[in-house]
Protein backbone atom coordinates (compact mmCIF):
# COMPACT_ATOMS: atom_id res chain seq x y z
CA MET A 1 -5.91 -0.44 -27.27
CA LYS A 2 -2.32 0.74 -27.62
CA LYS A 3 -1.98 1.88 -23.98
CA ILE A 4 1.70 2.47 -23.35
CA SER A 5 2.96 -0.55 -21.40
CA TYR A 6 6.65 0.32 -21.78
CA LEU A 7 7.21 -2.88 -23.68
CA LEU A 8 5.44 -2.39 -27.03
CA THR A 9 6.89 -5.74 -27.98
CA SER A 10 6.31 -5.47 -31.70
CA ILE A 11 8.35 -2.29 -32.02
CA LEU A 12 10.71 -2.52 -29.05
CA ILE A 13 14.02 -0.88 -29.87
CA VAL A 14 16.93 -2.09 -27.77
CA ILE A 15 19.33 0.82 -28.09
CA GLY A 16 22.89 -0.13 -27.23
CA ILE A 17 22.29 -0.25 -23.49
CA SER A 18 25.21 -2.61 -22.85
CA SER A 19 27.62 -1.10 -25.34
CA CYS A 20 30.93 0.32 -24.07
CA LYS A 21 31.93 1.88 -27.37
CA ASP A 22 31.71 5.51 -28.42
CA ALA A 23 28.67 4.97 -30.61
CA PHE A 24 25.53 4.63 -28.55
CA ILE A 25 23.60 2.61 -31.12
CA GLU A 26 25.57 -0.32 -32.46
CA LYS A 27 22.99 -2.28 -34.47
CA PRO A 28 21.58 -4.31 -31.55
CA ALA A 29 20.91 -7.99 -32.08
CA VAL A 30 17.16 -7.68 -31.53
CA THR A 31 16.36 -5.29 -34.37
CA GLY A 32 19.59 -4.31 -36.09
CA LEU A 33 18.42 -0.70 -36.30
CA SER A 34 20.86 2.18 -36.53
CA VAL A 35 20.10 5.57 -35.04
CA ASP A 36 18.86 6.85 -38.38
CA GLU A 37 16.59 3.83 -38.78
CA VAL A 38 15.18 4.22 -35.28
CA PHE A 39 14.12 7.78 -36.03
CA SER A 40 13.09 7.17 -39.63
CA SER A 41 9.39 6.88 -38.74
CA ALA A 42 6.99 7.70 -35.94
CA LYS A 43 6.32 3.99 -35.44
CA ASN A 44 9.99 3.20 -34.84
CA ALA A 45 10.42 6.27 -32.66
CA GLU A 46 7.53 5.11 -30.48
CA GLY A 47 9.66 2.14 -29.49
CA ALA A 48 12.49 4.39 -28.34
CA ILE A 49 10.04 6.60 -26.42
CA SER A 50 8.45 3.57 -24.80
CA LEU A 51 11.80 2.17 -23.78
CA ALA A 52 12.74 5.47 -22.14
CA TYR A 53 9.69 5.14 -19.88
CA SER A 54 10.53 1.54 -19.04
CA TYR A 55 14.15 2.31 -18.22
CA ILE A 56 13.81 5.54 -16.29
CA LEU A 57 10.69 4.82 -14.22
CA SER A 58 12.12 1.50 -12.98
CA SER A 59 14.16 3.19 -10.24
CA GLY A 60 13.76 1.41 -6.92
CA LEU A 61 11.64 -1.42 -8.32
CA PRO A 62 13.01 -4.96 -7.87
CA ILE A 63 13.65 -6.74 -11.15
CA TYR A 64 13.18 -10.50 -11.39
CA SER A 65 16.40 -11.60 -13.06
CA TRP A 66 19.24 -14.01 -12.42
CA THR A 67 21.64 -12.07 -14.59
CA PRO A 68 23.68 -8.91 -13.91
CA PRO A 69 23.28 -6.14 -13.06
CA TYR A 70 22.04 -7.42 -9.73
CA LEU A 71 19.33 -5.17 -8.42
CA PRO A 72 17.85 -6.24 -5.07
CA TYR A 73 15.05 -8.25 -6.67
CA GLU A 74 14.69 -10.18 -3.42
CA ALA A 75 14.24 -6.87 -1.63
CA THR A 76 11.92 -3.94 -1.81
CA GLU A 77 12.31 -0.64 -0.06
CA ALA A 78 9.52 -1.90 2.21
CA ILE A 79 11.73 -4.81 3.30
CA MET A 80 14.83 -2.60 3.56
CA GLY A 81 12.92 -0.27 5.88
CA GLY A 82 11.21 -2.98 7.93
CA GLU A 83 7.67 -2.43 6.65
CA ASP A 84 7.72 -6.04 5.52
CA VAL A 85 9.98 -8.75 6.89
CA ASP A 86 12.10 -11.16 4.92
CA SER A 87 12.24 -14.73 6.17
CA SER A 88 14.93 -15.98 3.81
CA TRP A 89 17.55 -14.86 1.28
CA GLY A 90 20.17 -13.64 3.71
CA TYR A 91 22.17 -11.64 1.20
CA MET A 92 19.47 -8.99 1.19
CA LYS A 93 19.73 -8.56 4.95
CA GLU A 94 23.51 -8.85 5.21
CA ASN A 95 24.46 -6.77 2.21
CA LEU A 96 21.62 -4.28 1.97
CA VAL A 97 19.99 -3.70 5.33
CA SER A 98 22.69 -4.46 7.88
CA SER A 99 25.57 -2.84 6.04
CA GLY A 100 23.67 -0.22 4.10
CA MET A 101 23.98 -1.57 0.57
CA THR A 102 27.68 -2.36 0.83
CA ALA A 103 29.85 -1.32 -2.07
CA THR A 104 32.47 -4.05 -1.62
CA ASP A 105 30.64 -7.34 -2.14
CA SER A 106 31.12 -9.82 -4.97
CA TYR A 107 28.05 -8.79 -6.96
CA ASN A 108 28.33 -6.82 -10.20
CA ASN A 109 32.07 -7.50 -10.40
CA GLY A 110 32.65 -5.58 -7.20
CA ALA A 111 30.33 -2.73 -8.10
CA GLY A 112 28.04 -3.62 -5.23
CA LEU A 113 24.32 -3.88 -4.73
CA SER A 114 21.97 -0.93 -4.70
CA ASP A 115 18.31 -0.43 -5.40
CA ASP A 116 19.00 1.43 -8.64
CA TYR A 117 22.50 0.23 -9.68
CA PHE A 118 24.25 3.57 -10.06
CA PRO A 119 25.84 3.18 -13.54
CA TYR A 120 22.52 2.30 -15.14
CA ASN A 121 21.11 5.68 -14.18
CA TYR A 122 23.32 7.29 -16.80
CA LYS A 123 22.68 4.66 -19.46
CA TYR A 124 18.97 5.28 -19.05
CA ILE A 125 19.37 9.06 -19.01
CA ARG A 126 21.52 8.82 -22.09
CA HIS A 127 18.75 6.96 -23.86
CA ALA A 128 16.31 9.80 -23.11
CA PHE A 129 18.78 12.39 -24.39
CA LEU A 130 19.26 10.35 -27.54
CA VAL A 131 15.51 10.66 -28.15
CA ILE A 132 15.64 14.42 -27.53
CA GLU A 133 18.56 14.88 -29.90
CA ASN A 134 17.13 12.78 -32.73
CA ILE A 135 13.35 13.14 -32.60
CA ASP A 136 13.47 16.05 -35.07
CA LYS A 137 14.61 13.57 -37.74
CA VAL A 138 11.26 11.76 -37.74
CA PRO A 139 9.53 12.75 -40.99
CA ASP A 140 5.95 11.79 -40.11
CA MET A 141 5.62 13.68 -36.82
CA THR A 142 4.57 17.31 -36.55
CA LEU A 143 6.77 19.93 -34.92
CA ALA A 144 4.28 20.16 -32.04
CA GLU A 145 4.41 16.39 -31.50
CA LYS A 146 8.21 16.47 -31.42
CA GLU A 147 8.24 19.24 -28.81
CA ILE A 148 5.88 17.18 -26.65
CA VAL A 149 8.24 14.18 -26.87
CA LYS A 150 11.15 16.39 -25.82
CA GLY A 151 9.08 17.56 -22.86
CA GLU A 152 8.34 13.97 -21.89
CA MET A 153 12.02 13.03 -22.00
CA LYS A 154 13.03 16.04 -19.92
CA GLY A 155 10.44 15.10 -17.31
CA LEU A 156 11.72 11.53 -17.23
CA ILE A 157 15.32 12.72 -16.88
CA ALA A 158 14.29 15.00 -14.01
CA PHE A 159 12.61 12.03 -12.31
CA ARG A 160 15.73 9.89 -12.53
CA TYR A 161 17.94 12.68 -11.22
CA LEU A 162 15.53 13.15 -8.32
CA GLU A 163 15.76 9.44 -7.54
CA MET A 164 19.56 9.72 -7.54
CA MET A 165 19.54 12.84 -5.39
CA LYS A 166 17.40 11.05 -2.79
CA ARG A 167 19.84 8.12 -2.69
CA TYR A 168 23.26 9.73 -3.20
CA GLY A 169 23.04 13.49 -2.76
CA GLY A 170 24.79 15.48 -5.48
CA VAL A 171 25.65 13.46 -8.59
CA PRO A 172 27.32 14.10 -11.95
CA LEU A 173 25.01 16.11 -14.20
CA VAL A 174 24.96 14.81 -17.76
CA LYS A 175 23.10 17.15 -20.09
CA LYS A 176 23.62 15.43 -23.45
CA THR A 177 24.66 12.08 -24.89
CA LEU A 178 28.30 11.84 -23.85
CA THR A 179 30.86 9.72 -25.64
CA MET A 180 32.66 7.09 -23.59
CA VAL A 181 35.75 9.30 -23.30
CA GLU A 182 33.77 12.09 -21.65
CA SER A 183 32.83 12.30 -17.98
CA ALA A 184 31.26 14.77 -15.60
CA PRO A 185 32.36 15.67 -12.07
CA ARG A 186 30.05 15.19 -9.11
CA ALA A 187 27.77 18.18 -8.63
CA THR A 188 26.62 19.65 -5.33
CA VAL A 189 23.18 18.93 -3.88
CA GLN A 190 22.12 22.47 -4.81
CA GLU A 191 23.34 22.11 -8.39
CA THR A 192 21.56 18.78 -8.72
CA LEU A 193 18.35 20.26 -7.33
CA ASP A 194 18.61 23.28 -9.64
CA TYR A 195 19.00 21.04 -12.69
CA ILE A 196 15.97 18.96 -11.68
CA LEU A 197 13.90 22.12 -11.31
CA GLU A 198 15.14 23.46 -14.66
CA LEU A 199 14.14 20.23 -16.42
CA CYS A 200 10.75 20.26 -14.70
CA GLU A 201 10.07 23.81 -15.84
CA GLN A 202 10.96 22.97 -19.45
CA SER A 203 8.89 19.78 -19.33
CA ALA A 204 5.86 21.56 -17.85
CA VAL A 205 5.94 24.19 -20.59
CA ALA A 206 6.18 21.57 -23.34
CA LEU A 207 3.34 19.51 -21.86
CA ASP A 208 0.99 22.38 -21.12
CA ASN A 209 -2.56 21.49 -22.22
CA VAL A 210 -1.46 18.05 -23.48
CA VAL A 211 -4.22 15.47 -23.07
CA TRP A 212 -3.53 11.90 -24.13
CA SER A 213 -6.07 9.63 -25.77
CA ASN A 214 -6.92 6.31 -24.13
CA ASP A 215 -4.40 4.67 -26.46
CA TRP A 216 -1.59 6.55 -24.74
CA MET A 217 -2.72 6.72 -21.12
CA GLY A 218 0.36 6.64 -18.92
CA ARG A 219 2.49 9.15 -20.80
CA LEU A 220 3.52 12.31 -18.98
CA THR A 221 1.13 15.19 -18.55
CA LYS A 222 2.03 18.61 -17.14
CA GLY A 223 1.07 17.34 -13.70
CA VAL A 224 4.04 14.96 -13.61
CA PRO A 225 6.87 17.53 -13.86
CA LEU A 226 4.93 19.62 -11.33
CA ALA A 227 4.88 16.55 -9.05
CA ILE A 228 8.60 15.88 -9.55
CA LYS A 229 9.33 19.51 -8.68
CA ALA A 230 7.17 19.29 -5.55
CA GLU A 231 8.87 16.11 -4.37
CA ALA A 232 12.35 17.48 -5.10
CA LEU A 233 11.65 20.59 -3.04
CA MET A 234 10.29 18.47 -0.17
CA TYR A 235 13.52 16.47 -0.07
CA ALA A 236 15.53 19.69 -0.21
CA ALA A 237 13.59 20.99 2.81
CA ARG A 238 13.87 17.86 4.97
CA PRO A 239 16.56 17.60 7.65
CA LEU A 240 19.11 15.47 5.79
CA PHE A 241 19.86 18.16 3.21
CA ASN A 242 18.38 21.27 4.87
CA SER A 243 21.02 21.51 7.55
CA ASP A 244 24.05 23.57 8.50
CA GLU A 245 26.18 20.43 8.75
CA PRO A 246 26.08 17.11 6.86
CA TYR A 247 25.19 13.84 8.60
CA LEU A 248 28.90 12.86 8.45
CA PRO A 249 31.94 15.11 7.91
CA TYR A 250 32.92 15.16 4.25
CA GLY A 251 35.50 17.95 4.18
CA VAL A 252 35.57 19.96 0.97
CA ASN A 253 32.75 17.75 -0.34
CA ASN A 254 30.21 18.69 2.35
CA ASP A 255 28.05 20.43 -0.23
CA LYS A 256 27.74 17.19 -2.20
CA ILE A 257 25.71 15.59 0.61
CA CYS A 258 24.16 18.66 2.26
CA LEU A 259 22.87 22.15 1.44
CA CYS A 260 25.10 23.39 4.30
CA GLU A 261 22.65 26.02 5.58
CA TYR A 262 19.23 25.54 7.12
CA LYS A 263 16.58 27.74 5.48
CA GLU A 264 12.93 27.80 6.51
CA SER A 265 12.18 29.27 3.09
CA ARG A 266 12.76 25.83 1.59
CA TRP A 267 9.55 24.65 3.26
CA ASN A 268 7.70 27.63 1.76
CA ASP A 269 9.04 26.73 -1.70
CA ALA A 270 7.79 23.17 -1.20
CA ILE A 271 4.36 24.39 -0.10
CA LYS A 272 3.92 26.48 -3.24
CA ALA A 273 5.00 23.60 -5.49
CA ASN A 274 2.61 21.14 -3.85
CA LEU A 275 -0.27 23.61 -4.07
CA ASP A 276 0.50 23.94 -7.78
CA VAL A 277 0.12 20.17 -8.21
CA LEU A 278 -3.25 20.12 -6.45
CA LYS A 279 -4.47 23.13 -8.41
CA TRP A 280 -3.47 21.54 -11.71
CA GLY A 281 -5.03 18.26 -10.63
CA LYS A 282 -8.41 19.80 -9.85
CA GLU A 283 -8.41 21.60 -13.19
CA ASN A 284 -7.57 18.41 -15.09
CA GLY A 285 -9.53 15.66 -13.36
CA TYR A 286 -6.90 14.29 -10.95
CA GLU A 287 -8.00 14.25 -7.33
CA ILE A 288 -8.42 12.22 -4.17
CA ILE A 289 -11.04 9.52 -4.60
CA ASP A 290 -13.51 10.11 -1.77
CA THR A 291 -17.09 8.91 -2.15
CA ASP A 292 -17.56 8.23 1.58
CA ASN A 293 -16.77 4.54 1.04
CA PRO A 294 -13.24 4.37 2.53
CA PHE A 295 -12.49 0.74 1.67
CA GLU A 296 -13.61 1.00 -1.95
CA ASP A 297 -12.09 4.45 -2.41
CA PHE A 298 -8.65 3.47 -1.13
CA GLY A 299 -8.73 0.11 -2.91
CA THR A 300 -9.50 1.87 -6.18
CA ALA A 301 -6.79 4.50 -5.64
CA VAL A 302 -4.02 1.96 -5.17
CA GLY A 303 -5.26 -1.04 -7.14
CA VAL A 304 -7.20 0.04 -10.24
CA PRO A 305 -5.10 1.04 -13.27
CA CYS A 306 -5.58 4.55 -14.70
CA ASN A 307 -7.79 5.82 -11.89
CA LYS A 308 -8.12 9.58 -11.33
CA GLU A 309 -5.83 9.61 -8.29
CA ILE A 310 -2.79 8.29 -10.19
CA LEU A 311 -0.63 10.90 -11.89
CA LEU A 312 2.06 8.42 -12.89
CA ALA A 313 2.50 4.65 -12.67
CA TYR A 314 5.04 2.12 -13.89
CA LYS A 315 3.25 0.20 -16.62
CA HIS A 316 5.89 -2.31 -17.66
CA GLN A 317 4.13 -5.68 -17.78
CA ALA A 318 6.60 -8.55 -18.05
CA VAL A 319 5.30 -11.66 -19.76
CA GLY A 320 5.62 -15.27 -18.66
CA GLN A 321 6.98 -14.66 -15.17
CA GLY A 322 3.98 -15.60 -13.04
CA PRO A 323 1.78 -13.31 -10.98
CA SER A 324 2.68 -9.61 -11.20
CA GLY A 325 5.42 -9.99 -13.78
CA ILE A 326 8.61 -8.40 -12.49
CA TYR A 327 7.19 -7.49 -9.09
CA LYS A 328 8.08 -10.73 -7.34
CA ASN A 329 8.35 -9.20 -3.89
CA TYR A 330 5.07 -7.32 -4.09
CA CYS A 331 2.71 -10.08 -5.16
CA PRO A 332 0.89 -12.22 -2.58
CA ASN A 333 3.27 -15.09 -3.36
CA PRO A 334 6.51 -13.29 -4.26
CA LEU A 335 8.26 -16.36 -5.69
CA TYR A 336 5.25 -18.18 -7.06
CA ILE A 337 6.59 -20.51 -9.76
CA ARG A 338 4.61 -22.70 -12.13
CA SER A 339 6.24 -25.80 -13.60
CA ASN A 340 4.69 -28.77 -15.38
CA GLY A 341 1.25 -27.79 -14.19
CA GLY A 342 2.32 -27.76 -10.55
CA THR A 343 3.39 -25.03 -8.16
CA ALA A 344 6.41 -24.36 -6.01
CA LEU A 345 6.09 -21.84 -3.23
CA CYS A 346 9.09 -20.28 -1.54
CA GLU A 347 8.80 -18.48 1.77
CA TYR A 348 7.21 -15.11 1.19
CA ARG A 349 7.23 -11.85 3.07
CA GLY A 350 4.66 -10.20 5.27
CA MET A 351 3.93 -7.06 7.28
CA SER A 352 6.15 -6.57 10.30
CA TYR A 353 4.65 -6.04 13.74
CA GLU A 354 6.31 -2.62 13.87
CA MET A 355 4.48 -1.56 10.70
CA LEU A 356 1.23 -3.11 11.90
CA LEU A 357 1.28 -0.80 14.92
CA ASN A 358 0.89 2.22 12.62
CA PHE A 359 -2.59 1.07 11.57
CA LYS A 360 -5.56 1.88 13.79
CA LYS A 361 -8.95 0.36 14.36
CA ALA A 362 -11.77 1.58 12.15
CA ASP A 363 -13.01 3.89 14.90
CA GLY A 364 -9.60 5.58 15.13
CA SER A 365 -8.55 3.98 18.41
CA GLU A 366 -5.43 1.89 18.99
CA GLN A 367 -5.51 -1.88 18.60
CA VAL A 368 -3.91 -4.08 21.28
CA TRP A 369 -2.24 -7.25 19.99
CA ALA A 370 -0.86 -10.36 21.67
CA GLY A 371 2.48 -10.31 23.47
CA THR A 372 4.93 -13.17 23.58
CA GLU A 373 2.42 -15.33 25.46
CA GLU A 374 0.11 -17.43 23.31
CA ARG A 375 -3.36 -16.08 22.76
CA PRO A 376 -6.32 -17.82 21.06
CA TYR A 377 -6.42 -17.50 17.28
CA GLN A 378 -10.00 -16.24 17.63
CA GLU A 379 -8.59 -13.09 19.23
CA TYR A 380 -6.42 -12.44 16.16
CA TYR A 381 -9.42 -13.14 13.92
CA ASP A 382 -11.59 -10.65 15.80
CA LYS A 383 -8.91 -7.95 15.98
CA VAL A 384 -8.03 -7.93 12.28
CA HIS A 385 -11.72 -7.53 11.47
CA GLU A 386 -11.77 -4.39 13.65
CA MET A 387 -8.99 -2.69 11.66
CA GLU A 388 -9.31 0.41 9.50
CA PRO A 389 -10.23 0.10 5.80
CA ARG A 390 -6.71 0.79 4.54
CA PHE A 391 -5.41 -2.21 6.47
CA LYS A 392 -8.03 -4.46 4.88
CA ALA A 393 -7.30 -3.04 1.42
CA SER A 394 -3.54 -3.49 1.86
CA VAL A 395 -3.15 -6.98 3.33
CA PHE A 396 -5.00 -10.20 4.02
CA ALA A 397 -4.84 -11.96 7.36
CA TYR A 398 -4.22 -15.60 8.22
CA GLY A 399 -7.25 -17.83 7.86
CA ILE A 400 -9.32 -15.10 6.18
CA ASN A 401 -10.06 -14.55 2.51
CA PRO A 402 -8.75 -11.21 1.19
CA TRP A 403 -11.21 -8.42 1.88
CA ASN A 404 -10.32 -6.66 -1.37
CA ASN A 405 -11.30 -9.62 -3.59
CA GLU A 406 -14.36 -10.82 -1.74
CA GLY A 407 -16.23 -13.62 -3.52
CA ASN A 408 -13.48 -14.20 -6.09
CA ASP A 409 -12.53 -17.88 -6.04
CA LYS A 410 -9.22 -17.11 -7.73
CA TRP A 411 -8.21 -15.32 -4.55
CA SER A 412 -9.76 -17.78 -2.11
CA ILE A 413 -7.47 -19.29 0.51
CA THR A 414 -9.36 -22.59 0.25
CA ASN A 415 -9.06 -22.92 -3.52
CA GLU A 416 -6.42 -25.52 -4.40
CA SER A 417 -5.39 -23.55 -7.49
CA SER A 418 -5.49 -20.16 -5.78
CA TRP A 419 -2.45 -17.90 -5.82
CA LEU A 420 -2.92 -17.78 -2.04
CA LYS A 421 -2.80 -21.55 -1.71
CA ALA A 422 -0.63 -22.10 1.35
CA ASN A 423 -0.01 -20.40 4.68
CA LYS A 424 3.51 -20.64 6.02
CA ASN A 425 5.16 -19.58 9.21
CA LYS A 426 7.43 -16.52 9.34
CA GLN A 427 5.27 -14.45 7.02
CA GLY A 428 4.77 -11.45 9.22
CA CYS A 429 1.49 -10.36 10.75
CA ALA A 430 -0.45 -10.34 7.46
CA ARG A 431 0.43 -10.54 3.77
CA ASN A 432 0.48 -7.89 1.06
CA ILE A 433 -2.37 -7.70 -1.44
CA LYS A 434 -2.52 -3.93 -1.75
CA PHE A 435 -2.29 -3.51 -5.52
CA TRP A 436 -4.93 -6.08 -6.46
CA TYR A 437 -8.30 -4.51 -5.64
CA ASN A 438 -11.09 -6.51 -7.32
CA THR A 439 -8.70 -7.71 -9.99
CA GLY A 440 -10.65 -10.71 -11.23
CA ASN A 441 -8.10 -12.89 -13.04
CA ARG A 442 -5.57 -10.11 -13.58
CA GLU A 443 -2.14 -11.05 -12.27
CA TRP A 444 -0.24 -7.90 -13.16
CA PHE A 445 -0.52 -4.48 -11.56
CA GLU A 446 0.77 -0.99 -12.22
CA PHE A 447 3.06 0.33 -9.51
CA PRO A 448 1.87 3.82 -8.45
CA ILE A 449 4.66 6.41 -8.58
CA TYR A 450 2.69 9.60 -7.93
CA ARG A 451 -0.72 9.57 -6.23
CA MET A 452 -2.60 12.75 -5.36
CA ALA A 453 -2.61 11.75 -1.68
CA GLU A 454 1.14 12.43 -1.54
CA PHE A 455 0.76 16.14 -2.06
CA TYR A 456 -1.70 16.56 0.81
CA LEU A 457 0.71 14.82 3.17
CA ASN A 458 3.57 16.89 1.78
CA LEU A 459 1.59 20.02 2.62
CA ALA A 460 0.69 18.75 6.09
CA GLU A 461 4.36 18.08 6.79
CA ALA A 462 5.62 21.38 5.36
CA TYR A 463 3.00 23.55 7.09
CA ASN A 464 3.75 21.90 10.41
CA GLU A 465 7.47 22.57 10.00
CA ILE A 466 6.85 26.33 9.71
CA GLY A 467 4.39 26.40 12.60
CA HIS A 468 1.11 26.58 10.65
CA SER A 469 -0.77 23.82 12.44
CA THR A 470 -4.21 24.84 11.14
CA GLU A 471 -3.16 24.38 7.51
CA ALA A 472 -1.24 21.22 8.42
CA LEU A 473 -4.32 19.68 10.01
CA ALA A 474 -6.56 20.67 7.11
CA ASN A 475 -4.37 18.76 4.63
CA LEU A 476 -3.74 15.82 6.94
CA ASN A 477 -7.45 15.38 7.55
CA VAL A 478 -8.20 15.17 3.83
CA ILE A 479 -6.34 11.84 3.93
CA ARG A 480 -7.77 10.71 7.26
CA ASN A 481 -11.34 11.53 6.19
CA ARG A 482 -10.96 9.50 3.01
CA ALA A 483 -9.72 6.65 5.20
CA GLY A 484 -12.82 6.87 7.43
CA LEU A 485 -10.85 8.02 10.48
CA PRO A 486 -11.83 10.92 12.75
CA ASP A 487 -10.06 14.25 12.31
CA GLU A 488 -6.69 14.76 13.93
CA THR A 489 -6.86 17.71 16.33
CA VAL A 490 -3.43 17.96 18.01
CA THR A 491 -1.61 21.24 17.39
CA ASP A 492 1.61 20.60 19.30
CA TYR A 493 4.44 20.54 16.74
CA LYS A 494 6.02 17.26 17.81
CA LEU A 495 2.74 15.40 18.32
CA LEU A 496 1.44 16.60 14.96
CA GLN A 497 4.71 15.63 13.30
CA THR A 498 4.35 12.12 14.72
CA SER A 499 0.76 11.90 13.49
CA ILE A 500 1.72 13.04 9.99
CA ARG A 501 4.58 10.57 9.75
CA ARG A 502 2.34 7.77 10.93
CA GLU A 503 -0.14 8.70 8.22
CA TRP A 504 2.64 8.48 5.64
CA ALA A 505 3.43 4.94 6.82
CA VAL A 506 -0.18 3.75 6.56
CA GLU A 507 -1.32 5.53 3.40
CA PHE A 508 1.83 4.63 1.46
CA TYR A 509 2.60 1.20 2.90
CA ASN A 510 4.68 -0.69 0.32
CA GLU A 511 4.87 2.29 -2.07
CA ASN A 512 8.58 3.15 -1.70
CA GLN A 513 8.04 6.04 0.70
CA TYR A 514 8.91 4.81 4.21
CA TYR A 515 12.61 4.04 3.72
CA PRO A 516 13.60 7.29 1.95
CA HIS A 517 11.52 9.28 4.43
CA ALA A 518 13.32 7.67 7.37
CA ARG A 519 16.61 8.65 5.80
CA HIS A 520 15.72 12.24 4.99
CA TRP A 521 13.97 12.84 8.30
CA LYS A 522 17.22 11.52 9.87
CA GLU A 523 15.17 8.92 11.76
CA GLY A 524 16.99 5.77 10.70
CA GLU A 525 17.76 4.87 14.30
CA THR A 526 14.13 5.16 15.41
CA MET A 527 12.25 4.06 12.29
CA ILE A 528 14.48 1.32 10.88
CA ALA A 529 16.98 0.04 13.45
CA GLY A 530 16.11 -2.76 15.86
CA THR A 531 14.49 -6.18 15.81
CA LYS A 532 11.52 -6.69 13.55
CA HIS A 533 8.83 -8.93 15.00
CA ILE A 534 6.18 -11.15 13.48
CA PHE A 535 3.27 -13.27 14.68
CA THR A 536 3.73 -17.01 14.80
CA PHE A 537 0.81 -19.41 14.88
CA LYS A 538 0.16 -22.83 16.33
CA PHE A 539 -1.71 -25.08 13.93
CA ALA A 540 -4.22 -27.86 14.41
CA GLY A 541 -2.79 -29.79 11.47
CA SER A 542 0.33 -29.58 9.34
CA LEU A 543 1.85 -26.21 8.57
CA THR A 544 0.97 -26.21 4.85
CA ASP A 545 -2.62 -27.24 5.53
CA ALA A 546 -3.43 -24.17 7.65
CA ARG A 547 -5.94 -22.10 5.68
CA VAL A 548 -9.30 -21.62 7.37
CA PRO A 549 -9.87 -20.44 10.95
CA GLU A 550 -10.39 -23.98 12.23
CA ASP A 551 -6.79 -24.81 11.24
CA PHE A 552 -5.33 -22.25 13.67
CA ILE A 553 -5.08 -22.69 17.43
CA SER A 554 -3.19 -19.66 18.75
CA TYR A 555 -0.90 -16.76 17.87
CA ARG A 556 1.83 -14.85 19.66
CA LEU A 557 4.49 -12.22 19.07
CA ASP A 558 7.81 -13.66 18.00
CA GLU A 559 11.27 -12.34 17.15
CA ALA A 560 11.81 -14.05 13.82
CA ALA A 561 13.45 -11.40 11.69
CA GLN A 562 17.02 -10.19 11.96
CA LYS A 563 17.93 -7.14 13.91
CA TYR A 564 18.27 -4.18 11.58
CA VAL A 565 21.48 -2.25 12.08
CA TRP A 566 21.51 1.47 11.37
CA LEU A 567 24.79 3.26 10.79
CA LYS A 568 25.14 6.97 10.07
CA LYS A 569 26.67 6.26 6.68
CA MET A 570 23.36 4.69 5.63
CA TYR A 571 21.61 8.05 5.35
CA LEU A 572 22.86 8.02 1.78
CA SER A 573 23.71 5.02 -0.38
CA PRO A 574 27.18 4.06 -1.57
CA ILE A 575 28.09 4.85 -5.14
CA THR A 576 29.00 1.55 -6.78
CA LEU A 577 32.68 0.77 -6.35
CA ALA A 578 33.33 0.15 -10.02
CA GLU A 579 32.42 3.79 -10.75
CA VAL A 580 34.43 5.19 -7.84
CA ASN A 581 37.48 3.25 -9.03
CA LYS A 582 37.33 5.10 -12.35
CA GLY A 583 38.48 8.21 -10.49
CA TYR A 584 35.86 10.71 -11.63
CA ILE A 585 33.50 10.56 -8.64
CA GLU A 586 33.94 10.64 -4.86
CA GLN A 587 32.41 7.91 -2.69
CA ASN A 588 29.89 8.91 -0.04
CA PRO A 589 31.37 9.09 3.49
CA GLY A 590 31.64 5.92 5.55
CA TYR A 591 31.83 3.43 2.68
């Protein structure tokens, strides 16, 4: 099976990504291929296409690497937003969370840390344009096949620009492969949005009626540019951009961080775009998985590759880097290292108490957890078993085998060779296992980028913002019903808004949604700032021996994570200092 994994090791084409010369392809060391050689055959071109997917869809995903550019591989957006808590690696907290991804630290030669490393956006976009501009040279591809590839690349470029718009506001718009002596000025938010929508329209036309064989599952279909368009219009409608005034004064550059006029019509545009995604999905076999088995349905939706709820996933599977490949901060043991047949386990991360409070009991009622006074471990044991199916499919609790891999010894907490071998203190209230539903011996997973559930919650949010509570509830309850929860019935705008946002937090826990939503809802102070709490446990034996219920004595609420600081400047990220110092782009306010 040739399923696109975005590595395609045998034909991987490394195309001048670190070159600073005018020529984009400089006979890289790995293959020595020139631009003409790359596009001399369909087989070679497949490597360039594959690499475009790997590069562009990596936005926001932590890369396991000790070499520059330093992406926050010890962080995820879940940790940055307080969904999970980090019990070590202070640079993530000091340089990313507390100071809002500072642009003046020593990393990247002063360029700063960010979750996408700003300059690489344009190197990756340039790669996609190089494919667009040279694919016609391939002799053994049909004209129709070449037009499809161009549509794929335009969709990928639109995705990367959307990711930049969410983080920075308006950005320079590069529409071809520039030479190193060319540059582009920073565009406004509106201009950036318009370009994303233009690319999505072109991509959707090119991909109309395209159906991939099993060999190529994972490549863009028409539903993906429709999804990118829907998400872009949602972010344009949310309070950060859809406002008369920006979050901080920016003088003549206000329109680079704000649309500078509130328009309710932006919510209507978003509604239409999201309805288009759902309509296309139903016509093409993409839909919410709901067989009246909430645990299995949700587990399948988030943990089984190529299921019918996933429109797009990141399929890069790194080799030889332990469980989950590059996703060190998502796997049950984020820094699980094998050496000489043994194991070394660093402190991992776990769900914060603040995130835990978003999850309900299976009957839809609120759970009540321990305070700072010690309570018997049995109480914790009983309460986690009462939680809703999405909780049990997303995490595993202390002293209890993962619900989503029941009966699998590989995932047993008592198995000496299990990936879940040890329990340590300061790991939050439970530990992530969301993307490994009934995985057997599979270590890797495919990070979901677009799931059909997103578009129902988008519609619930947008309808509520224009006062259509009936339609908002109808879409919200599609997600709640799949989760096995009773229907939401509140119609008050603010109460329904709170319910919708809570549903976002639960349904998309650890899926790179919470942190950008907090920013664009302008709720950083309420959703992110403050102390993050965890549960601490008292053990009957030594700390590393605590596995089964008998090893635990009590639990209590503890303040073990740093206080998260929220500053107004953090509503958008800093553009890396190295780029600002080149004089072609203005820094975001406050940095």
